[in-house]
Amino acid sequence: MIDARSAQIEVTTICNFDCHYCAGRDMEQRHMDMQVFARILARLRPFTGMTVSLQGEGEPTLHPAFWDMVRAVRNHGLRPYTITNGTRVDAAQFAAALPSVGVSVDTLDAEQARRMGRYNLPKVLANLESLVAAMGPKRVTVHTVQFGQDIEPLRAYVGRLGVHRHIVQPLQVKDDYVRHYDRQSAGGGQPIRLMPRAAPVLEQYSCSFLDQPRMRYYDIDGTEMPCCFIKDSGVYTSIDDLRQTLARRQVPQACAGCRELR
């Protein structure tokens, strides 16, 4: 049984957006098999109230069994959560099934959103406002990726909605993310601004996700990982192998460039 504080399950890699920083757009596009999902859920200790986030490198609500998954998590005595891009929202259904929900919004500029592969911004904002009305602002979180855009108008908008949790996440600088940024920039899309990356100076050769079971991430195949930041599963072996490599004062290939290393 897994006793981590939280779990995240990548229920699909399919998305109706083409976000310019998303590693998922280069992944095989498919939904998680329900048998894989059931095996993962069985590994999580029941009735602990653990938060289980149904999300990964796709739009979770596109999975045809998404709401069945939500019910299964609740029936297991755990707390379901998801982050949606806001395009497929029935506010009443979300309010009834989810204790809280995250909505991904990066800008209030519709043209900028379109250039970065996030479509129909007016619909997304209308759905966000519907969720706030149906669930209350304390049950809604807005998630933003900071890639160099001006987010102050978005901060002000979120404040006007009364939403208290606005999580702004900087672009990941891990190697298995940056290669996708380079591809998008070469394609002439929305520019991605990365701060110059200095080689990390490690003192402890440790990671907080490995030092204690903060979370467990399960990719589309059900592979268990210590965090949600490993996007090249081809170079990942196991949690124990990551620990052993760091114990030798070496950086595992799956962790190259990660800011979580110390």
Protein backbone atom coordinates (compact mmCIF):
# COMPACT_ATOMS: atom_id res chain seq x y z
CA MET A 1 0.00 0.00 0.00
CA ILE A 2 1.17 3.52 -0.80
CA ASP A 3 1.26 5.99 2.11
CA ALA A 4 2.29 9.12 0.20
CA ARG A 5 0.59 12.42 0.97
CA SER A 6 -0.96 12.57 -2.49
CA ALA A 7 -1.13 10.71 -5.78
CA GLN A 8 -1.46 11.89 -9.36
CA ILE A 9 -2.75 9.67 -12.14
CA GLU A 10 -2.22 10.55 -15.80
CA VAL A 11 -5.61 9.43 -17.10
CA THR A 12 -5.00 10.59 -20.67
CA THR A 13 -2.42 12.20 -22.93
CA ILE A 14 -5.09 13.38 -25.37
CA CYS A 15 -5.87 17.08 -25.36
CA ASN A 16 -7.95 19.59 -27.30
CA PHE A 17 -5.28 22.26 -26.76
CA ASP A 18 -1.77 22.53 -28.23
CA CYS A 19 -0.02 24.40 -25.40
CA HIS A 20 3.41 25.42 -26.63
CA TYR A 21 5.21 24.29 -23.47
CA CYS A 22 3.45 20.93 -23.06
CA ALA A 23 5.52 17.75 -23.27
CA GLY A 24 2.34 15.76 -23.82
CA ARG A 25 1.88 16.90 -27.38
CA ASP A 26 4.85 14.76 -28.39
CA MET A 27 3.60 11.71 -26.48
CA GLU A 28 1.51 8.89 -27.87
CA GLN A 29 -2.07 10.12 -27.74
CA ARG A 30 -4.28 7.70 -25.82
CA HIS A 31 -6.42 7.16 -22.73
CA MET A 32 -5.46 5.11 -19.68
CA ASP A 33 -6.96 1.63 -19.68
CA MET A 34 -9.49 1.21 -16.87
CA GLN A 35 -7.78 -1.99 -15.71
CA VAL A 36 -4.56 -0.02 -15.24
CA PHE A 37 -6.49 2.63 -13.33
CA ALA A 38 -8.07 -0.01 -11.08
CA ARG A 39 -4.65 -1.52 -10.29
CA ILE A 40 -3.28 1.89 -9.34
CA LEU A 41 -6.25 2.68 -7.11
CA ALA A 42 -5.85 -0.67 -5.36
CA ARG A 43 -2.29 0.34 -4.39
CA LEU A 44 -3.48 3.45 -2.56
CA ARG A 45 -4.38 2.96 1.08
CA PRO A 46 -8.16 3.43 1.32
CA PHE A 47 -10.11 5.85 3.51
CA THR A 48 -7.16 8.09 4.31
CA GLY A 49 -8.52 11.24 2.68
CA MET A 50 -5.45 11.36 0.42
CA THR A 51 -5.86 13.71 -2.54
CA VAL A 52 -5.79 11.87 -5.86
CA SER A 53 -5.30 14.21 -8.81
CA LEU A 54 -6.65 12.83 -12.07
CA GLN A 55 -4.45 14.70 -14.51
CA GLY A 56 -1.30 14.47 -16.57
CA GLU A 57 -0.25 15.59 -20.03
CA GLY A 58 -3.78 15.78 -21.47
CA GLU A 59 -7.25 17.15 -20.75
CA PRO A 60 -8.66 14.76 -18.12
CA THR A 61 -12.32 15.24 -19.01
CA LEU A 62 -11.68 13.85 -22.49
CA HIS A 63 -11.33 10.36 -21.00
CA PRO A 64 -14.72 8.70 -21.65
CA ALA A 65 -14.68 7.19 -18.14
CA PHE A 66 -13.42 10.29 -16.33
CA TRP A 67 -16.46 10.65 -14.07
CA ASP A 68 -16.38 6.91 -13.32
CA MET A 69 -12.80 7.43 -12.15
CA VAL A 70 -13.88 10.31 -9.92
CA ARG A 71 -16.55 8.12 -8.34
CA ALA A 72 -14.08 5.26 -7.86
CA VAL A 73 -11.67 7.55 -6.02
CA ARG A 74 -14.45 8.76 -3.73
CA ASN A 75 -15.68 5.22 -3.10
CA HIS A 76 -12.11 4.32 -2.10
CA GLY A 77 -12.29 6.92 0.66
CA LEU A 78 -9.95 9.34 -1.12
CA ARG A 79 -10.32 12.93 -2.31
CA PRO A 80 -10.52 13.42 -6.09
CA TYR A 81 -9.06 16.50 -7.74
CA THR A 82 -8.34 17.53 -11.30
CA ILE A 83 -6.99 20.43 -13.32
CA THR A 84 -9.02 21.13 -16.44
CA ASN A 85 -8.35 23.53 -19.30
CA GLY A 86 -11.91 24.76 -18.83
CA THR A 87 -13.37 23.82 -22.20
CA ARG A 88 -15.58 20.93 -21.09
CA VAL A 89 -17.34 22.14 -17.97
CA ASP A 90 -20.74 21.29 -16.56
CA ALA A 91 -20.48 23.39 -13.41
CA ALA A 92 -23.23 21.51 -11.57
CA GLN A 93 -21.56 18.17 -12.28
CA PHE A 94 -18.17 19.42 -11.12
CA ALA A 95 -19.69 20.89 -7.95
CA ALA A 96 -21.47 17.64 -7.09
CA ALA A 97 -18.57 15.28 -7.79
CA LEU A 98 -15.38 17.15 -6.83
CA PRO A 99 -14.50 18.71 -3.46
CA SER A 100 -12.34 21.21 -5.35
CA VAL A 101 -11.09 21.79 -8.88
CA GLY A 102 -8.27 23.54 -10.68
CA VAL A 103 -8.62 25.50 -13.91
CA SER A 104 -5.62 26.25 -16.10
CA VAL A 105 -5.49 29.84 -17.40
CA ASP A 106 -2.29 31.54 -18.54
CA THR A 107 -3.46 34.87 -19.96
CA LEU A 108 -6.47 37.14 -20.49
CA ASP A 109 -5.25 38.02 -23.98
CA ALA A 110 -7.28 35.90 -26.41
CA GLU A 111 -4.82 36.36 -29.27
CA GLN A 112 -1.86 35.43 -27.10
CA ALA A 113 -3.78 32.39 -25.86
CA ARG A 114 -4.50 31.34 -29.45
CA ARG A 115 -0.84 31.70 -30.48
CA MET A 116 0.26 29.49 -27.61
CA GLY A 117 -2.26 26.80 -28.51
CA ARG A 118 -4.98 27.58 -25.96
CA TYR A 119 -8.21 28.07 -27.87
CA ASN A 120 -11.57 29.76 -27.19
CA LEU A 121 -10.46 31.82 -24.20
CA PRO A 122 -13.89 33.51 -23.77
CA LYS A 123 -15.48 30.07 -23.27
CA VAL A 124 -12.79 29.08 -20.77
CA LEU A 125 -13.29 32.25 -18.72
CA ALA A 126 -17.08 31.87 -18.81
CA ASN A 127 -16.74 28.30 -17.56
CA LEU A 128 -14.33 29.39 -14.83
CA GLU A 129 -16.85 31.95 -13.64
CA SER A 130 -19.60 29.30 -13.72
CA LEU A 131 -17.47 27.02 -11.55
CA VAL A 132 -16.84 29.81 -9.04
CA ALA A 133 -20.58 30.52 -8.90
CA ALA A 134 -21.50 26.84 -8.48
CA MET A 135 -18.73 25.74 -6.12
CA GLY A 136 -17.74 28.94 -4.35
CA PRO A 137 -14.36 30.64 -4.77
CA LYS A 138 -12.69 28.62 -1.98
CA ARG A 139 -13.17 25.37 -3.93
CA VAL A 140 -11.60 26.68 -7.14
CA THR A 141 -7.88 27.09 -7.85
CA VAL A 142 -6.46 28.84 -10.91
CA HIS A 143 -3.20 27.36 -12.24
CA THR A 144 -0.90 29.46 -14.43
CA VAL A 145 2.37 28.65 -16.18
CA GLN A 146 4.68 31.67 -16.26
CA PHE A 147 6.57 31.63 -19.56
CA GLY A 148 7.34 35.35 -19.81
CA GLN A 149 3.87 36.81 -20.31
CA ASP A 150 2.45 39.66 -18.24
CA ILE A 151 0.28 37.93 -15.64
CA GLU A 152 -0.75 40.99 -13.63
CA PRO A 153 -4.08 41.41 -15.50
CA LEU A 154 -4.80 37.74 -14.78
CA ARG A 155 -3.91 38.16 -11.11
CA ALA A 156 -6.34 41.07 -10.86
CA TYR A 157 -9.09 39.09 -12.61
CA VAL A 158 -8.64 36.10 -10.30
CA GLY A 159 -8.84 38.48 -7.35
CA ARG A 160 -12.08 39.98 -8.62
CA LEU A 161 -13.55 36.47 -8.80
CA GLY A 162 -12.71 36.03 -5.12
CA VAL A 163 -10.51 33.01 -5.83
CA HIS A 164 -7.88 32.80 -3.10
CA ARG A 165 -5.60 30.17 -4.63
CA HIS A 166 -3.78 31.27 -7.77
CA ILE A 167 -0.77 29.03 -8.31
CA VAL A 168 1.80 30.47 -10.70
CA GLN A 169 4.34 27.87 -11.78
CA PRO A 170 7.55 28.80 -13.62
CA LEU A 171 8.51 26.83 -16.69
CA GLN A 172 10.28 23.60 -15.83
CA VAL A 173 13.95 23.65 -16.78
CA LYS A 174 14.48 19.88 -16.83
CA ASP A 175 16.08 18.53 -19.98
CA ASP A 176 13.01 16.48 -20.93
CA TYR A 177 10.89 19.65 -20.91
CA VAL A 178 13.31 22.04 -22.58
CA ARG A 179 13.61 19.94 -25.72
CA HIS A 180 9.91 20.61 -26.36
CA TYR A 181 10.37 24.35 -25.85
CA ASP A 182 13.13 24.36 -28.44
CA ARG A 183 10.89 22.58 -30.93
CA GLN A 184 8.04 25.03 -30.42
CA SER A 185 10.29 28.07 -30.66
CA ALA A 186 11.74 26.77 -33.93
CA GLY A 187 8.20 26.38 -35.25
CA GLY A 188 7.60 30.11 -34.99
CA GLY A 189 4.96 29.94 -32.27
CA GLN A 190 4.61 31.96 -29.09
CA PRO A 191 8.14 32.79 -27.84
CA ILE A 192 9.23 30.95 -24.72
CA ARG A 193 11.54 32.86 -22.42
CA LEU A 194 13.88 30.71 -20.40
CA MET A 195 16.28 32.21 -17.90
CA PRO A 196 19.88 31.14 -18.57
CA ARG A 197 20.45 27.81 -16.89
CA ALA A 198 23.54 27.39 -14.77
CA ALA A 199 24.64 23.89 -13.96
CA PRO A 200 23.18 23.11 -10.54
CA VAL A 201 25.69 22.80 -7.74
CA LEU A 202 24.54 19.86 -5.66
CA GLU A 203 25.67 19.51 -2.06
CA GLN A 204 23.52 16.68 -0.74
CA TYR A 205 22.61 14.81 -3.93
CA SER A 206 19.09 14.47 -2.64
CA CYS A 207 15.51 15.22 -3.64
CA SER A 208 12.62 15.93 -1.28
CA PHE A 209 10.36 13.68 -3.37
CA LEU A 210 12.75 10.80 -2.73
CA ASP A 211 13.64 11.67 0.86
CA GLN A 212 10.03 11.14 1.90
CA PRO A 213 6.93 9.93 0.05
CA ARG A 214 5.48 13.35 -0.76
CA MET A 215 3.53 11.97 -3.70
CA ARG A 216 3.33 9.19 -6.23
CA TYR A 217 2.80 9.84 -9.92
CA TYR A 218 1.41 7.18 -12.26
CA ASP A 219 1.85 7.71 -15.98
CA ILE A 220 -0.47 6.51 -18.72
CA ASP A 221 0.97 2.97 -18.47
CA GLY A 222 0.69 2.88 -14.69
CA THR A 223 4.42 3.28 -14.09
CA GLU A 224 4.98 4.56 -10.55
CA MET A 225 7.26 7.58 -10.19
CA PRO A 226 8.20 9.76 -7.20
CA CYS A 227 7.03 13.01 -8.79
CA CYS A 228 5.22 14.44 -11.81
CA PHE A 229 8.34 15.96 -13.37
CA ILE A 230 9.75 12.93 -15.22
CA LYS A 231 8.54 13.10 -18.82
CA ASP A 232 10.98 10.74 -20.55
CA SER A 233 9.88 7.36 -19.22
CA GLY A 234 12.42 5.69 -21.49
CA VAL A 235 15.27 6.69 -19.16
CA TYR A 236 13.37 5.98 -15.93
CA THR A 237 13.82 2.68 -14.13
CA SER A 238 12.56 2.84 -10.56
CA ILE A 239 12.41 4.96 -7.43
CA ASP A 240 15.05 2.77 -5.79
CA ASP A 241 17.38 3.24 -8.75
CA LEU A 242 17.04 7.04 -8.50
CA ARG A 243 17.96 6.87 -4.81
CA GLN A 244 20.94 4.60 -5.46
CA THR A 245 22.26 6.82 -8.25
CA LEU A 246 22.05 9.92 -6.05
CA ALA A 247 23.75 7.99 -3.22
CA ARG A 248 26.69 7.54 -5.63
CA ARG A 249 26.67 11.35 -6.02
CA GLN A 250 25.50 11.10 -9.60
CA VAL A 251 22.46 12.72 -11.21
CA PRO A 252 20.01 10.21 -12.69
CA GLN A 253 19.31 10.85 -16.36
CA ALA A 254 15.58 11.05 -15.60
CA CYS A 255 16.29 13.93 -13.19
CA ALA A 256 18.74 15.94 -15.31
CA GLY A 257 18.21 19.67 -14.87
CA CYS A 258 15.55 19.35 -12.18
CA ARG A 259 15.31 22.22 -9.72
CA GLU A 260 14.17 19.82 -6.97
CA LEU A 261 17.68 18.38 -6.63
CA ARG A 262 19.77 19.62 -3.74
